[in-house]
Amino acid sequence: MATDHSDYVRGTMGVTGHKKTFGGFMGFTKYGGAAIALLVLYPTLVFGTPLGWLPSLITTLILGFIMGAALKLKGGWYAGIIAGAVPMGIASLLLALWHAST
């Protein structure tokens, strides 16, 4: 049974763990949402517009930088975008060359 007497004092519980969890969730949501937006944007530009592979990649890269600045993302965001754009650019170039040869 519950008793009327308790040692709990309102406002004394530590919240640092809660703040870290919420901060981590918000960071994951911000970075994840931005990444998903770019992952959807690139194939949309490639297949839904008359742009080619490389102009679509450059447009996505520029919008990724703008999005990073608007959301105040850290340097890892820009490094990740560039690290992802390099192999995607190589693959796009190879696909464009392969498509031109057939």
C-alpha atoms as a PDB file:
ATOM      1  CA  MET A   1       0.000   0.000   0.000  1.00  0.00           C
ATOM      2  CA  ALA A   2       1.084   3.520  -0.590  1.00  0.00           C
ATOM      3  CA  THR A   3       2.011   5.622   2.366  1.00  0.00           C
ATOM      4  CA  ASP A   4       1.556   9.330   2.824  1.00  0.00           C
ATOM      5  CA  HIS A   5       5.168   9.800   3.852  1.00  0.00           C
ATOM      6  CA  SER A   6       7.962   9.749   1.270  1.00  0.00           C
ATOM      7  CA  ASP A   7      11.577  10.847   1.208  1.00  0.00           C
ATOM      8  CA  TYR A   8      11.136  12.285  -2.294  1.00  0.00           C
ATOM      9  CA  VAL A   9      11.546  16.050  -2.577  1.00  0.00           C
ATOM     10  CA  ARG A  10      10.136  17.643  -5.712  1.00  0.00           C
ATOM     11  CA  GLY A  11      12.812  19.058  -8.054  1.00  0.00           C
ATOM     12  CA  THR A  12      15.759  17.088  -6.696  1.00  0.00           C
ATOM     13  CA  MET A  13      15.976  14.361  -9.333  1.00  0.00           C
ATOM     14  CA  GLY A  14      18.993  14.650 -11.661  1.00  0.00           C
ATOM     15  CA  VAL A  15      18.082  15.307 -15.269  1.00  0.00           C
ATOM     16  CA  THR A  16      21.486  15.249 -16.976  1.00  0.00           C
ATOM     17  CA  GLY A  17      20.810  11.777 -18.377  1.00  0.00           C
ATOM     18  CA  HIS A  18      17.480  12.924 -19.758  1.00  0.00           C
ATOM     19  CA  LYS A  19      19.051  15.993 -21.343  1.00  0.00           C
ATOM     20  CA  LYS A  20      21.737  13.886 -23.026  1.00  0.00           C
ATOM     21  CA  THR A  21      19.162  11.399 -24.304  1.00  0.00           C
ATOM     22  CA  PHE A  22      16.937  14.144 -25.694  1.00  0.00           C
ATOM     23  CA  GLY A  23      19.933  15.917 -27.250  1.00  0.00           C
ATOM     24  CA  GLY A  24      21.036  12.689 -28.893  1.00  0.00           C
ATOM     25  CA  PHE A  25      17.565  12.018 -30.229  1.00  0.00           C
ATOM     26  CA  MET A  26      17.275  15.536 -31.642  1.00  0.00           C
ATOM     27  CA  GLY A  27      20.709  15.285 -33.259  1.00  0.00           C
ATOM     28  CA  PHE A  28      19.879  11.907 -34.780  1.00  0.00           C
ATOM     29  CA  THR A  29      16.591  13.293 -36.088  1.00  0.00           C
ATOM     30  CA  LYS A  30      18.239  16.388 -37.577  1.00  0.00           C
ATOM     31  CA  TYR A  31      21.123  14.572 -39.276  1.00  0.00           C
ATOM     32  CA  GLY A  32      19.003  11.580 -40.281  1.00  0.00           C
ATOM     33  CA  GLY A  33      16.242  13.708 -41.758  1.00  0.00           C
ATOM     34  CA  ALA A  34      18.726  15.779 -43.748  1.00  0.00           C
ATOM     35  CA  ALA A  35      20.459  12.636 -45.028  1.00  0.00           C
ATOM     36  CA  ILE A  36      17.169  11.043 -46.063  1.00  0.00           C
ATOM     37  CA  ALA A  37      16.166  14.240 -47.862  1.00  0.00           C
ATOM     38  CA  LEU A  38      19.378  14.134 -49.900  1.00  0.00           C
ATOM     39  CA  LEU A  39      19.028  10.408 -50.573  1.00  0.00           C
ATOM     40  CA  VAL A  40      15.568  11.033 -51.996  1.00  0.00           C
ATOM     41  CA  LEU A  41      16.570  14.191 -53.863  1.00  0.00           C
ATOM     42  CA  TYR A  42      19.398  12.672 -55.914  1.00  0.00           C
ATOM     43  CA  PRO A  43      17.451   9.884 -57.669  1.00  0.00           C
ATOM     44  CA  THR A  44      14.500  12.252 -58.074  1.00  0.00           C
ATOM     45  CA  LEU A  45      16.719  14.684 -59.967  1.00  0.00           C
ATOM     46  CA  VAL A  46      18.295  11.908 -62.013  1.00  0.00           C
ATOM     47  CA  PHE A  47      15.100  10.157 -63.079  1.00  0.00           C
ATOM     48  CA  GLY A  48      12.493  12.901 -62.764  1.00  0.00           C
ATOM     49  CA  THR A  49      14.236  15.786 -64.523  1.00  0.00           C
ATOM     50  CA  PRO A  50      16.192  16.125 -67.753  1.00  0.00           C
ATOM     51  CA  LEU A  51      19.411  16.623 -65.761  1.00  0.00           C
ATOM     52  CA  GLY A  52      22.090  13.993 -66.143  1.00  0.00           C
ATOM     53  CA  TRP A  53      23.864  12.047 -63.424  1.00  0.00           C
ATOM     54  CA  LEU A  54      26.642  14.531 -62.766  1.00  0.00           C
ATOM     55  CA  PRO A  55      24.544  17.742 -62.729  1.00  0.00           C
ATOM     56  CA  SER A  56      22.109  16.023 -60.364  1.00  0.00           C
ATOM     57  CA  LEU A  57      24.972  15.056 -58.067  1.00  0.00           C
ATOM     58  CA  ILE A  58      26.372  18.592 -58.083  1.00  0.00           C
ATOM     59  CA  THR A  59      22.926  20.036 -57.371  1.00  0.00           C
ATOM     60  CA  THR A  60      22.409  17.580 -54.518  1.00  0.00           C
ATOM     61  CA  LEU A  61      25.850  18.389 -53.123  1.00  0.00           C
ATOM     62  CA  ILE A  62      25.166  22.139 -53.213  1.00  0.00           C
ATOM     63  CA  LEU A  63      21.772  21.677 -51.568  1.00  0.00           C
ATOM     64  CA  GLY A  64      23.437  19.475 -48.942  1.00  0.00           C
ATOM     65  CA  PHE A  65      25.831  22.292 -48.082  1.00  0.00           C
ATOM     66  CA  ILE A  66      22.972  24.789 -47.931  1.00  0.00           C
ATOM     67  CA  MET A  67      20.971  22.422 -45.751  1.00  0.00           C
ATOM     68  CA  GLY A  68      23.960  21.932 -43.460  1.00  0.00           C
ATOM     69  CA  ALA A  69      24.360  25.672 -43.045  1.00  0.00           C
ATOM     70  CA  ALA A  70      20.631  26.206 -42.468  1.00  0.00           C
ATOM     71  CA  LEU A  71      20.438  23.449 -39.836  1.00  0.00           C
ATOM     72  CA  LYS A  72      23.783  24.471 -38.299  1.00  0.00           C
ATOM     73  CA  LEU A  73      25.240  20.987 -38.716  1.00  0.00           C
ATOM     74  CA  LYS A  74      28.799  20.254 -37.636  1.00  0.00           C
ATOM     75  CA  GLY A  75      31.836  19.611 -39.820  1.00  0.00           C
ATOM     76  CA  GLY A  76      31.207  15.880 -39.929  1.00  0.00           C
ATOM     77  CA  TRP A  77      28.129  16.559 -42.044  1.00  0.00           C
ATOM     78  CA  TYR A  78      30.195  18.245 -44.756  1.00  0.00           C
ATOM     79  CA  ALA A  79      32.864  15.560 -44.619  1.00  0.00           C
ATOM     80  CA  GLY A  80      30.158  12.900 -44.926  1.00  0.00           C
ATOM     81  CA  ILE A  81      28.558  14.602 -47.902  1.00  0.00           C
ATOM     82  CA  ILE A  82      31.884  14.876 -49.704  1.00  0.00           C
ATOM     83  CA  ALA A  83      32.838  11.310 -48.765  1.00  0.00           C
ATOM     84  CA  GLY A  84      29.538  10.095 -50.196  1.00  0.00           C
ATOM     85  CA  ALA A  85      29.700  12.307 -53.298  1.00  0.00           C
ATOM     86  CA  VAL A  86      33.101  11.053 -54.453  1.00  0.00           C
ATOM     87  CA  PRO A  87      32.122   7.383 -54.986  1.00  0.00           C
ATOM     88  CA  MET A  88      28.704   8.464 -56.251  1.00  0.00           C
ATOM     89  CA  GLY A  89      30.401  10.766 -58.770  1.00  0.00           C
ATOM     90  CA  ILE A  90      32.686   7.970 -59.935  1.00  0.00           C
ATOM     91  CA  ALA A  91      29.746   5.582 -60.271  1.00  0.00           C
ATOM     92  CA  SER A  92      27.717   8.237 -62.098  1.00  0.00           C
ATOM     93  CA  LEU A  93      30.587   8.900 -64.492  1.00  0.00           C
ATOM     94  CA  LEU A  94      30.995   5.191 -65.211  1.00  0.00           C
ATOM     95  CA  LEU A  95      27.253   4.809 -65.784  1.00  0.00           C
ATOM     96  CA  ALA A  96      27.206   7.823 -68.114  1.00  0.00           C
ATOM     97  CA  LEU A  97      30.159   6.440 -70.069  1.00  0.00           C
ATOM     98  CA  TRP A  98      28.569   2.994 -70.228  1.00  0.00           C
ATOM     99  CA  HIS A  99      25.259   4.465 -71.358  1.00  0.00           C
ATOM    100  CA  ALA A 100      26.991   6.560 -74.035  1.00  0.00           C
ATOM    101  CA  SER A 101      28.820   3.511 -75.423  1.00  0.00           C
ATOM    102  CA  THR A 102      25.652   1.427 -75.838  1.00  0.00           C
END
